[in-house]
């Protein structure tokens, strides 16, 4: 069968006749249908007709203003004295100014305040040991914060300090 088709194509060329062109009508119909279905799917998703989360119906007398917001647990903040760390001789910047606060549970606030000198010592020692290239990276503050928080938790004790809030981190 394949030889017969080759012969007819070869005969058409030999006789000088141009082979019949394929119609582009099916391609255009397919393109129009794809655009219409894509647009319809976008509209249905955008307006929430499909794939929208089911919202619970508000009870009588309740509106969006009366939605319950969970109460935050009580926290206390223990401020740390500002640290000024001199950077190495090869650094473009000469000093790092650092200030932070510790987020603790109120029942541990006095315990943490008593250990502030140890915390400052650990932070000062760590920040002096950090390479200048590590400080200048865009994501450096996240890494430094995690490292410092872990060191603080080791000094103060597990479960007493929940977070380290850096309020000032300036290279001069």
Foldseek 3Di string as FASTA:
>chain_A
DVVVVVVVVVVCVVVPHDDDDDDCVVVVVVVVVVVVVVVVVVVCVVVVVPPHDDDDDDDPPDDPVPDDDDDDADKDKAWADWDWAAEDPPDPFGIKIWTKIFIFHVVCVVLLVVCRVVLVVVLRVVVRPDDPVLVPDPCSVVVSQVVSVVVSCVSSHPRGTDGMGIPGIDTD
